[in-house]
């Protein structure tokens, strides 16, 4: 499974998601975090890799945070 086209080693993906989560936690504006997640998802898609469920959930949560922030909530 390692290094086959269409897959990335799971431990590497988990490490990248953990690192990304830490960076997101440091930003004040959820839109900045959303951009980071979208960029990572686009990188995975461009490489032909599946989007990890954890990353998809982070994107969904940040999208909700952005909508709430735009409404003043």
Protein backbone atom coordinates (compact mmCIF):
# COMPACT_ATOMS: atom_id res chain seq x y z
CA UNK A 1 0.00 0.00 0.00
CA UNK A 2 2.87 2.43 0.67
CA UNK A 3 3.80 4.67 -2.24
CA UNK A 4 1.25 3.12 -4.61
CA UNK A 5 -0.35 5.55 -6.97
CA UNK A 6 -3.54 6.86 -5.41
CA UNK A 7 -2.51 6.29 -1.81
CA UNK A 8 -0.36 7.98 0.77
CA UNK A 9 0.95 6.22 3.87
CA UNK A 10 -1.62 6.61 6.64
CA UNK A 11 0.89 7.65 9.34
CA UNK A 12 2.11 10.47 7.09
CA UNK A 13 -1.44 11.68 6.48
CA UNK A 14 -2.22 11.55 10.20
CA UNK A 15 0.93 13.53 10.97
CA UNK A 16 0.03 16.14 8.34
CA UNK A 17 -3.49 16.49 9.70
CA UNK A 18 -2.18 16.84 13.27
CA UNK A 19 0.29 19.52 12.14
CA UNK A 20 -2.44 21.32 10.22
CA UNK A 21 -4.78 21.19 13.23
CA UNK A 22 -2.09 22.81 15.36
CA UNK A 23 -1.64 25.60 12.82
CA UNK A 24 -5.40 26.14 12.63
CA UNK A 25 -5.61 26.42 16.42
CA UNK A 26 -3.13 29.30 16.28
CA UNK A 27 -5.14 31.49 13.89
CA UNK A 28 -7.84 33.88 15.05
CA UNK A 29 -9.93 33.97 11.89
CA UNK A 30 -11.66 30.71 10.91
CA UNK A 31 -11.39 31.77 7.26
CA UNK A 32 -7.60 31.46 7.49
CA UNK A 33 -7.94 27.92 8.84
CA UNK A 34 -10.47 27.08 6.16
CA UNK A 35 -8.06 28.21 3.45
CA UNK A 36 -5.33 26.00 4.93
CA UNK A 37 -7.63 22.97 4.93
CA UNK A 38 -8.90 23.63 1.41
CA UNK A 39 -5.31 23.92 0.16
CA UNK A 40 -4.42 20.58 1.73
CA UNK A 41 -7.52 18.92 0.28
CA UNK A 42 -6.64 20.27 -3.16
CA UNK A 43 -3.11 18.88 -2.79
CA UNK A 44 -4.49 15.45 -1.92
CA UNK A 45 -6.91 15.51 -4.85
CA UNK A 46 -4.19 16.63 -7.25
CA UNK A 47 -2.08 13.68 -6.10
CA UNK A 48 -5.01 11.33 -6.60
CA UNK A 49 -5.28 10.53 -2.89
CA UNK A 50 -8.50 9.97 -0.98
CA UNK A 51 -9.48 12.76 1.40
CA UNK A 52 -9.19 11.49 4.99
CA UNK A 53 -12.46 11.65 6.92
CA UNK A 54 -10.75 13.65 9.69
CA UNK A 55 -9.72 16.32 7.21
CA UNK A 56 -13.19 16.42 5.64
CA UNK A 57 -14.68 16.88 9.12
CA UNK A 58 -12.27 19.70 9.94
CA UNK A 59 -13.27 21.40 6.69
CA UNK A 60 -16.96 21.04 7.55
CA UNK A 61 -16.43 22.44 11.06
CA UNK A 62 -14.45 25.40 9.77
CA UNK A 63 -17.04 26.13 7.10
CA UNK A 64 -19.67 26.27 9.85
CA UNK A 65 -17.42 28.53 11.95
CA UNK A 66 -16.98 30.86 8.98
CA UNK A 67 -20.73 31.08 8.42
CA UNK A 68 -21.34 31.82 12.08
CA UNK A 69 -18.62 34.47 12.11
CA UNK A 70 -20.09 36.15 9.04
CA UNK A 71 -23.43 36.36 10.82
CA UNK A 72 -21.82 37.89 13.88
CA UNK A 73 -22.34 34.74 15.96
